[in-house]
All heavy atoms as atom14 arrays in JSON, in Angstrom:
{
  "sequence": "ANALFPDGRNPIGQRVHFGVPTAYLLTIVGVLADIRDGSLE",
  "atom14_mask": [
    [1, 1, 1, 1, 1, 0, 0, 0, 0, 0, 0, 0, 0, 0],
    [1, 1, 1, 1, 1, 1, 1, 1, 0, 0, 0, 0, 0, 0],
    [1, 1, 1, 1, 1, 0, 0, 0, 0, 0, 0, 0, 0, 0],
    [1, 1, 1, 1, 1, 1, 1, 1, 0, 0, 0, 0, 0, 0],
    [1, 1, 1, 1, 1, 1, 1, 1, 1, 1, 1, 0, 0, 0],
    [1, 1, 1, 1, 1, 1, 1, 0, 0, 0, 0, 0, 0, 0],
    [1, 1, 1, 1, 1, 1, 1, 1, 0, 0, 0, 0, 0, 0],
    [1, 1, 1, 1, 0, 0, 0, 0, 0, 0, 0, 0, 0, 0],
    [1, 1, 1, 1, 1, 1, 1, 1, 1, 1, 1, 0, 0, 0],
    [1, 1, 1, 1, 1, 1, 1, 1, 0, 0, 0, 0, 0, 0],
    [1, 1, 1, 1, 1, 1, 1, 0, 0, 0, 0, 0, 0, 0],
    [1, 1, 1, 1, 1, 1, 1, 1, 0, 0, 0, 0, 0, 0],
    [1, 1, 1, 1, 0, 0, 0, 0, 0, 0, 0, 0, 0, 0],
    [1, 1, 1, 1, 1, 1, 1, 1, 1, 0, 0, 0, 0, 0],
    [1, 1, 1, 1, 1, 1, 1, 1, 1, 1, 1, 0, 0, 0],
    [1, 1, 1, 1, 1, 1, 1, 0, 0, 0, 0, 0, 0, 0],
    [1, 1, 1, 1, 1, 1, 1, 1, 1, 1, 0, 0, 0, 0],
    [1, 1, 1, 1, 1, 1, 1, 1, 1, 1, 1, 0, 0, 0],
    [1, 1, 1, 1, 0, 0, 0, 0, 0, 0, 0, 0, 0, 0],
    [1, 1, 1, 1, 1, 1, 1, 0, 0, 0, 0, 0, 0, 0],
    [1, 1, 1, 1, 1, 1, 1, 0, 0, 0, 0, 0, 0, 0],
    [1, 1, 1, 1, 1, 1, 1, 0, 0, 0, 0, 0, 0, 0],
    [1, 1, 1, 1, 1, 0, 0, 0, 0, 0, 0, 0, 0, 0],
    [1, 1, 1, 1, 1, 1, 1, 1, 1, 1, 1, 1, 0, 0],
    [1, 1, 1, 1, 1, 1, 1, 1, 0, 0, 0, 0, 0, 0],
    [1, 1, 1, 1, 1, 1, 1, 1, 0, 0, 0, 0, 0, 0],
    [1, 1, 1, 1, 1, 1, 1, 0, 0, 0, 0, 0, 0, 0],
    [1, 1, 1, 1, 1, 1, 1, 1, 0, 0, 0, 0, 0, 0],
    [1, 1, 1, 1, 1, 1, 1, 0, 0, 0, 0, 0, 0, 0],
    [1, 1, 1, 1, 0, 0, 0, 0, 0, 0, 0, 0, 0, 0],
    [1, 1, 1, 1, 1, 1, 1, 0, 0, 0, 0, 0, 0, 0],
    [1, 1, 1, 1, 1, 1, 1, 1, 0, 0, 0, 0, 0, 0],
    [1, 1, 1, 1, 1, 0, 0, 0, 0, 0, 0, 0, 0, 0],
    [1, 1, 1, 1, 1, 1, 1, 1, 0, 0, 0, 0, 0, 0],
    [1, 1, 1, 1, 1, 1, 1, 1, 0, 0, 0, 0, 0, 0],
    [1, 1, 1, 1, 1, 1, 1, 1, 1, 1, 1, 0, 0, 0],
    [1, 1, 1, 1, 1, 1, 1, 1, 0, 0, 0, 0, 0, 0],
    [1, 1, 1, 1, 0, 0, 0, 0, 0, 0, 0, 0, 0, 0],
    [1, 1, 1, 1, 1, 1, 0, 0, 0, 0, 0, 0, 0, 0],
    [1, 1, 1, 1, 1, 1, 1, 1, 0, 0, 0, 0, 0, 0],
    [1, 1, 1, 1, 1, 1, 1, 1, 1, 0, 0, 0, 0, 0]
  ],
  "atom14_positions": [
    [[-0.74, 3.6, 1.87], [0.43, 4.15, 1.27], [1.32, 4.72, 2.42], [2.54, 4.59, 2.39], [0.11, 5.14, 0.24], [0.0, 0.0, 0.0], [0.0, 0.0, 0.0], [0.0, 0.0, 0.0], [0.0, 0.0, 0.0], [0.0, 0.0, 0.0], [0.0, 0.0, 0.0], [0.0, 0.0, 0.0], [0.0, 0.0, 0.0], [0.0, 0.0, 0.0]],
    [[0.71, 5.42, 3.33], [1.48, 6.06, 4.37], [2.1, 5.01, 5.33], [3.2, 5.22, 5.83], [0.69, 6.99, 5.22], [0.17, 8.2, 4.45], [0.88, 8.67, 3.5], [-0.99, 8.82, 4.78], [0.0, 0.0, 0.0], [0.0, 0.0, 0.0], [0.0, 0.0, 0.0], [0.0, 0.0, 0.0], [0.0, 0.0, 0.0], [0.0, 0.0, 0.0]],
    [[1.39, 3.86, 5.55], [1.93, 2.88, 6.39], [3.04, 2.11, 5.7], [4.02, 1.75, 6.36], [0.8, 1.86, 6.74], [0.0, 0.0, 0.0], [0.0, 0.0, 0.0], [0.0, 0.0, 0.0], [0.0, 0.0, 0.0], [0.0, 0.0, 0.0], [0.0, 0.0, 0.0], [0.0, 0.0, 0.0], [0.0, 0.0, 0.0], [0.0, 0.0, 0.0]],
    [[2.97, 1.95, 4.4], [4.02, 1.26, 3.75], [5.21, 2.08, 3.54], [6.35, 1.6, 3.62], [3.49, 0.69, 2.3], [2.49, -0.38, 2.29], [1.96, -0.61, 0.9], [3.11, -1.72, 2.68], [0.0, 0.0, 0.0], [0.0, 0.0, 0.0], [0.0, 0.0, 0.0], [0.0, 0.0, 0.0], [0.0, 0.0, 0.0], [0.0, 0.0, 0.0]],
    [[5.05, 3.39, 3.3], [6.12, 4.21, 2.98], [6.06, 5.51, 3.94], [5.71, 6.58, 3.56], [6.07, 4.74, 1.52], [5.97, 3.58, 0.58], [4.69, 3.39, -0.14], [6.98, 2.68, 0.32], [4.59, 2.28, -0.92], [6.84, 1.67, -0.58], [5.64, 1.51, -1.26], [0.0, 0.0, 0.0], [0.0, 0.0, 0.0], [0.0, 0.0, 0.0]],
    [[6.46, 5.29, 5.23], [6.38, 6.42, 6.17], [7.3, 7.54, 5.86], [7.19, 8.58, 6.49], [6.68, 5.7, 7.55], [7.46, 4.43, 7.16], [6.91, 4.03, 5.8], [0.0, 0.0, 0.0], [0.0, 0.0, 0.0], [0.0, 0.0, 0.0], [0.0, 0.0, 0.0], [0.0, 0.0, 0.0], [0.0, 0.0, 0.0], [0.0, 0.0, 0.0]],
    [[8.26, 7.29, 4.9], [9.18, 8.38, 4.66], [8.62, 9.39, 3.67], [9.26, 10.35, 3.25], [10.48, 7.78, 4.11], [10.23, 6.87, 2.87], [9.04, 6.71, 2.43], [11.16, 6.32, 2.32], [0.0, 0.0, 0.0], [0.0, 0.0, 0.0], [0.0, 0.0, 0.0], [0.0, 0.0, 0.0], [0.0, 0.0, 0.0], [0.0, 0.0, 0.0]],
    [[7.37, 9.18, 3.25], [6.69, 10.11, 2.38], [6.98, 10.05, 0.96], [6.58, 10.9, 0.09], [0.0, 0.0, 0.0], [0.0, 0.0, 0.0], [0.0, 0.0, 0.0], [0.0, 0.0, 0.0], [0.0, 0.0, 0.0], [0.0, 0.0, 0.0], [0.0, 0.0, 0.0], [0.0, 0.0, 0.0], [0.0, 0.0, 0.0], [0.0, 0.0, 0.0]],
    [[7.7, 8.96, 0.5], [7.96, 8.81, -1.01], [6.67, 8.59, -1.78], [5.67, 8.2, -1.24], [8.97, 7.61, -1.22], [8.33, 6.29, -1.11], [9.24, 5.19, -1.32], [9.99, 4.85, -0.09], [10.79, 3.76, 0.06], [10.87, 2.85, -0.98], [11.35, 3.5, 1.16], [0.0, 0.0, 0.0], [0.0, 0.0, 0.0], [0.0, 0.0, 0.0]],
    [[6.76, 8.92, -3.02], [5.59, 8.74, -3.88], [5.42, 7.23, -4.07], [6.27, 6.47, -4.52], [5.89, 9.35, -5.27], [4.72, 9.22, -6.22], [3.65, 8.81, -5.81], [4.91, 9.75, -7.43], [0.0, 0.0, 0.0], [0.0, 0.0, 0.0], [0.0, 0.0, 0.0], [0.0, 0.0, 0.0], [0.0, 0.0, 0.0], [0.0, 0.0, 0.0]],
    [[4.21, 6.7, -3.71], [3.95, 5.31, -3.78], [3.73, 4.74, -5.21], [3.86, 3.53, -5.48], [2.68, 5.13, -2.95], [1.97, 6.43, -3.06], [3.07, 7.46, -3.13], [0.0, 0.0, 0.0], [0.0, 0.0, 0.0], [0.0, 0.0, 0.0], [0.0, 0.0, 0.0], [0.0, 0.0, 0.0], [0.0, 0.0, 0.0], [0.0, 0.0, 0.0]],
    [[3.39, 5.64, -6.18], [3.15, 5.21, -7.54], [4.41, 4.6, -8.09], [5.54, 5.25, -8.11], [2.68, 6.34, -8.41], [1.43, 6.96, -7.86], [2.4, 5.81, -9.84], [0.27, 6.0, -7.63], [0.0, 0.0, 0.0], [0.0, 0.0, 0.0], [0.0, 0.0, 0.0], [0.0, 0.0, 0.0], [0.0, 0.0, 0.0], [0.0, 0.0, 0.0]],
    [[4.39, 3.34, -8.59], [5.48, 2.7, -9.13], [6.29, 1.84, -8.09], [7.1, 1.0, -8.54], [0.0, 0.0, 0.0], [0.0, 0.0, 0.0], [0.0, 0.0, 0.0], [0.0, 0.0, 0.0], [0.0, 0.0, 0.0], [0.0, 0.0, 0.0], [0.0, 0.0, 0.0], [0.0, 0.0, 0.0], [0.0, 0.0, 0.0], [0.0, 0.0, 0.0]],
    [[6.01, 2.07, -6.77], [6.65, 1.22, -5.8], [6.04, -0.17, -5.81], [5.01, -0.4, -6.21], [6.53, 1.89, -4.45], [6.95, 3.25, -4.35], [8.46, 3.34, -4.48], [9.21, 2.39, -4.15], [9.04, 4.49, -4.94], [0.0, 0.0, 0.0], [0.0, 0.0, 0.0], [0.0, 0.0, 0.0], [0.0, 0.0, 0.0], [0.0, 0.0, 0.0]],
    [[6.83, -1.14, -5.24], [6.39, -2.48, -5.31], [6.31, -2.99, -3.78], [7.09, -2.59, -2.94], [7.37, -3.37, -6.04], [7.41, -3.0, -7.49], [8.08, -4.05, -8.37], [9.44, -4.3, -7.94], [10.22, -5.25, -8.46], [9.67, -6.01, -9.45], [11.43, -5.5, -8.08], [0.0, 0.0, 0.0], [0.0, 0.0, 0.0], [0.0, 0.0, 0.0]],
    [[5.35, -3.9, -3.63], [5.14, -4.45, -2.28], [4.98, -6.07, -2.43], [4.51, -6.55, -3.33], [3.83, -3.92, -1.57], [4.02, -2.47, -1.3], [2.64, -4.17, -2.44], [0.0, 0.0, 0.0], [0.0, 0.0, 0.0], [0.0, 0.0, 0.0], [0.0, 0.0, 0.0], [0.0, 0.0, 0.0], [0.0, 0.0, 0.0], [0.0, 0.0, 0.0]],
    [[5.52, -6.71, -1.36], [5.35, -8.14, -1.36], [4.0, -8.5, -0.8], [3.5, -7.88, 0.17], [6.45, -8.79, -0.4], [7.82, -8.61, -0.93], [8.38, -9.44, -1.84], [8.84, -7.73, -0.66], [9.62, -9.0, -2.19], [9.92, -8.01, -1.39], [0.0, 0.0, 0.0], [0.0, 0.0, 0.0], [0.0, 0.0, 0.0], [0.0, 0.0, 0.0]],
    [[3.37, -9.54, -1.43], [2.03, -9.97, -0.92], [2.19, -11.05, 0.12], [2.43, -12.17, -0.28], [1.28, -10.45, -2.19], [-0.14, -10.81, -1.87], [-0.9, -10.09, -1.04], [-0.69, -11.96, -2.45], [-2.23, -10.46, -0.74], [-1.96, -12.42, -2.18], [-2.71, -11.65, -1.33], [0.0, 0.0, 0.0], [0.0, 0.0, 0.0], [0.0, 0.0, 0.0]],
    [[2.1, -10.7, 1.34], [2.13, -11.64, 2.41], [3.33, -11.52, 3.25], [3.26, -11.04, 4.38], [0.0, 0.0, 0.0], [0.0, 0.0, 0.0], [0.0, 0.0, 0.0], [0.0, 0.0, 0.0], [0.0, 0.0, 0.0], [0.0, 0.0, 0.0], [0.0, 0.0, 0.0], [0.0, 0.0, 0.0], [0.0, 0.0, 0.0], [0.0, 0.0, 0.0]],
    [[4.49, -11.94, 2.82], [5.71, -11.97, 3.58], [6.81, -11.36, 2.64], [6.62, -11.22, 1.47], [6.08, -13.41, 4.03], [5.13, -13.92, 4.99], [6.22, -14.32, 2.84], [0.0, 0.0, 0.0], [0.0, 0.0, 0.0], [0.0, 0.0, 0.0], [0.0, 0.0, 0.0], [0.0, 0.0, 0.0], [0.0, 0.0, 0.0], [0.0, 0.0, 0.0]],
    [[7.96, -10.94, 3.28], [9.03, -10.31, 2.48], [9.58, -11.12, 1.36], [10.24, -10.61, 0.47], [10.09, -10.04, 3.54], [9.35, -9.94, 4.84], [8.22, -10.9, 4.72], [0.0, 0.0, 0.0], [0.0, 0.0, 0.0], [0.0, 0.0, 0.0], [0.0, 0.0, 0.0], [0.0, 0.0, 0.0], [0.0, 0.0, 0.0], [0.0, 0.0, 0.0]],
    [[9.35, -12.47, 1.42], [9.87, -13.32, 0.28], [8.8, -13.6, -0.79], [9.12, -14.31, -1.74], [10.37, -14.65, 0.89], [9.36, -15.21, 1.61], [11.49, -14.39, 1.87], [0.0, 0.0, 0.0], [0.0, 0.0, 0.0], [0.0, 0.0, 0.0], [0.0, 0.0, 0.0], [0.0, 0.0, 0.0], [0.0, 0.0, 0.0], [0.0, 0.0, 0.0]],
    [[7.6, -13.12, -0.56], [6.5, -13.46, -1.57], [6.66, -12.56, -2.83], [7.54, -11.66, -2.86], [5.22, -13.2, -0.85], [0.0, 0.0, 0.0], [0.0, 0.0, 0.0], [0.0, 0.0, 0.0], [0.0, 0.0, 0.0], [0.0, 0.0, 0.0], [0.0, 0.0, 0.0], [0.0, 0.0, 0.0], [0.0, 0.0, 0.0], [0.0, 0.0, 0.0]],
    [[5.81, -12.85, -3.86], [6.0, -12.17, -5.11], [5.51, -10.74, -4.95], [4.86, -10.37, -3.98], [5.22, -12.88, -6.26], [3.79, -12.72, -6.23], [3.18, -11.76, -7.04], [2.9, -13.55, -5.54], [1.81, -11.57, -7.08], [1.52, -13.43, -5.5], [1.02, -12.51, -6.27], [-0.36, -12.27, -6.27], [0.0, 0.0, 0.0], [0.0, 0.0, 0.0]],
    [[5.92, -9.88, -5.94], [5.7, -8.46, -5.78], [4.45, -7.97, -6.56], [4.12, -8.47, -7.69], [6.94, -7.72, -6.31], [8.17, -7.88, -5.48], [9.46, -7.45, -6.18], [8.04, -7.04, -4.14], [0.0, 0.0, 0.0], [0.0, 0.0, 0.0], [0.0, 0.0, 0.0], [0.0, 0.0, 0.0], [0.0, 0.0, 0.0], [0.0, 0.0, 0.0]],
    [[3.84, -6.89, -6.01], [2.76, -6.2, -6.66], [3.14, -4.78, -6.84], [3.8, -4.16, -5.94], [1.49, -6.26, -5.81], [0.93, -7.6, -5.33], [-0.09, -7.45, -4.24], [0.5, -8.38, -6.56], [0.0, 0.0, 0.0], [0.0, 0.0, 0.0], [0.0, 0.0, 0.0], [0.0, 0.0, 0.0], [0.0, 0.0, 0.0], [0.0, 0.0, 0.0]],
    [[2.86, -4.16, -8.0], [3.21, -2.85, -8.3], [2.07, -1.93, -8.0], [0.91, -2.15, -8.54], [3.65, -2.76, -9.81], [4.82, -3.55, -9.99], [4.08, -1.24, -10.08], [0.0, 0.0, 0.0], [0.0, 0.0, 0.0], [0.0, 0.0, 0.0], [0.0, 0.0, 0.0], [0.0, 0.0, 0.0], [0.0, 0.0, 0.0], [0.0, 0.0, 0.0]],
    [[2.28, -0.85, -7.37], [1.21, 0.11, -7.03], [1.05, 1.1, -8.22], [2.02, 1.79, -8.61], [1.55, 0.89, -5.76], [1.65, -0.02, -4.53], [0.49, 2.0, -5.47], [2.09, 0.68, -3.2], [0.0, 0.0, 0.0], [0.0, 0.0, 0.0], [0.0, 0.0, 0.0], [0.0, 0.0, 0.0], [0.0, 0.0, 0.0], [0.0, 0.0, 0.0]],
    [[-0.19, 1.11, -8.74], [-0.4, 2.02, -9.94], [-1.36, 3.14, -9.58], [-1.48, 4.1, -10.31], [-0.93, 1.26, -11.12], [0.02, 0.18, -11.56], [-2.34, 0.65, -10.72], [0.0, 0.0, 0.0], [0.0, 0.0, 0.0], [0.0, 0.0, 0.0], [0.0, 0.0, 0.0], [0.0, 0.0, 0.0], [0.0, 0.0, 0.0], [0.0, 0.0, 0.0]],
    [[-1.98, 3.08, -8.42], [-2.92, 4.23, -8.03], [-3.16, 4.2, -6.51], [-2.93, 3.28, -5.83], [0.0, 0.0, 0.0], [0.0, 0.0, 0.0], [0.0, 0.0, 0.0], [0.0, 0.0, 0.0], [0.0, 0.0, 0.0], [0.0, 0.0, 0.0], [0.0, 0.0, 0.0], [0.0, 0.0, 0.0], [0.0, 0.0, 0.0], [0.0, 0.0, 0.0]],
    [[-3.55, 5.43, -6.09], [-3.87, 5.64, -4.64], [-5.22, 6.19, -4.62], [-5.62, 7.22, -5.19], [-2.87, 6.64, -4.06], [-3.26, 6.91, -2.56], [-1.47, 6.16, -4.09], [0.0, 0.0, 0.0], [0.0, 0.0, 0.0], [0.0, 0.0, 0.0], [0.0, 0.0, 0.0], [0.0, 0.0, 0.0], [0.0, 0.0, 0.0], [0.0, 0.0, 0.0]],
    [[-6.15, 5.56, -3.83], [-7.48, 5.9, -3.6], [-7.71, 6.5, -2.17], [-6.91, 6.21, -1.3], [-8.41, 4.7, -3.71], [-8.52, 4.07, -5.07], [-9.41, 2.79, -5.07], [-8.98, 5.02, -6.12], [0.0, 0.0, 0.0], [0.0, 0.0, 0.0], [0.0, 0.0, 0.0], [0.0, 0.0, 0.0], [0.0, 0.0, 0.0], [0.0, 0.0, 0.0]],
    [[-8.67, 7.33, -2.04], [-9.02, 7.83, -0.72], [-9.48, 6.73, 0.25], [-10.03, 5.72, -0.22], [-10.12, 8.98, -0.8], [0.0, 0.0, 0.0], [0.0, 0.0, 0.0], [0.0, 0.0, 0.0], [0.0, 0.0, 0.0], [0.0, 0.0, 0.0], [0.0, 0.0, 0.0], [0.0, 0.0, 0.0], [0.0, 0.0, 0.0], [0.0, 0.0, 0.0]],
    [[-9.27, 6.88, 1.55], [-9.71, 5.9, 2.5], [-11.18, 5.76, 2.52], [-11.95, 6.72, 2.21], [-9.19, 6.31, 3.91], [-7.68, 6.27, 4.01], [-7.04, 5.76, 3.19], [-7.24, 6.85, 5.01], [0.0, 0.0, 0.0], [0.0, 0.0, 0.0], [0.0, 0.0, 0.0], [0.0, 0.0, 0.0], [0.0, 0.0, 0.0], [0.0, 0.0, 0.0]],
    [[-11.63, 4.53, 2.85], [-13.06, 4.3, 3.1], [-13.17, 3.57, 4.35], [-12.16, 2.94, 4.91], [-13.74, 3.52, 1.98], [-13.2, 2.14, 1.93], [-13.56, 4.15, 0.59], [-14.01, 1.16, 1.01], [0.0, 0.0, 0.0], [0.0, 0.0, 0.0], [0.0, 0.0, 0.0], [0.0, 0.0, 0.0], [0.0, 0.0, 0.0], [0.0, 0.0, 0.0]],
    [[-14.33, 3.63, 5.01], [-14.66, 2.8, 6.14], [-15.03, 1.43, 5.73], [-16.18, 1.32, 5.06], [-15.76, 3.47, 7.04], [-15.37, 4.84, 7.51], [-14.58, 4.66, 8.72], [-13.98, 6.01, 9.07], [-13.3, 6.16, 10.23], [-13.06, 5.23, 11.05], [-12.78, 7.4, 10.48], [0.0, 0.0, 0.0], [0.0, 0.0, 0.0], [0.0, 0.0, 0.0]],
    [[-14.31, 0.43, 5.98], [-14.45, -0.85, 5.34], [-15.03, -1.92, 6.28], [-16.03, -2.56, 6.07], [-13.14, -1.32, 4.76], [-13.33, -2.35, 3.65], [-14.5, -2.7, 3.4], [-12.37, -2.72, 2.96], [0.0, 0.0, 0.0], [0.0, 0.0, 0.0], [0.0, 0.0, 0.0], [0.0, 0.0, 0.0], [0.0, 0.0, 0.0], [0.0, 0.0, 0.0]],
    [[-14.37, -2.09, 7.46], [-14.79, -3.03, 8.38], [-15.99, -2.65, 9.24], [-17.02, -3.27, 9.28], [0.0, 0.0, 0.0], [0.0, 0.0, 0.0], [0.0, 0.0, 0.0], [0.0, 0.0, 0.0], [0.0, 0.0, 0.0], [0.0, 0.0, 0.0], [0.0, 0.0, 0.0], [0.0, 0.0, 0.0], [0.0, 0.0, 0.0], [0.0, 0.0, 0.0]],
    [[-15.83, -1.52, 9.86], [-16.85, -0.89, 10.69], [-16.58, 0.6, 10.79], [-15.42, 1.03, 10.47], [-16.96, -1.52, 12.06], [-15.77, -1.19, 12.83], [0.0, 0.0, 0.0], [0.0, 0.0, 0.0], [0.0, 0.0, 0.0], [0.0, 0.0, 0.0], [0.0, 0.0, 0.0], [0.0, 0.0, 0.0], [0.0, 0.0, 0.0], [0.0, 0.0, 0.0]],
    [[-17.52, 1.36, 11.18], [-17.35, 2.81, 11.16], [-16.32, 3.23, 12.18], [-15.52, 4.1, 11.82], [-18.71, 3.5, 11.46], [-19.68, 3.55, 10.38], [-20.98, 4.17, 10.79], [-19.2, 4.28, 9.12], [0.0, 0.0, 0.0], [0.0, 0.0, 0.0], [0.0, 0.0, 0.0], [0.0, 0.0, 0.0], [0.0, 0.0, 0.0], [0.0, 0.0, 0.0]],
    [[-16.38, 2.71, 13.38], [-15.44, 3.18, 14.38], [-14.09, 2.52, 14.5], [-13.18, 3.01, 14.96], [-16.18, 3.12, 15.77], [-16.46, 1.7, 16.27], [-17.81, 1.21, 15.85], [-18.23, 1.62, 14.72], [-18.36, 0.5, 16.48], [0.0, 0.0, 0.0], [0.0, 0.0, 0.0], [0.0, 0.0, 0.0], [0.0, 0.0, 0.0], [0.0, 0.0, 0.0]]
  ]
}
């Protein structure tokens, strides 16, 4: 959320393109805490 909206706006309800700026839109309905996904470091 911080990377998509560095201006600090509320991400809930915002939309993002999936892939490139011309791709279809996904609506953000929730924000989860970060997890270590690929590797710990």
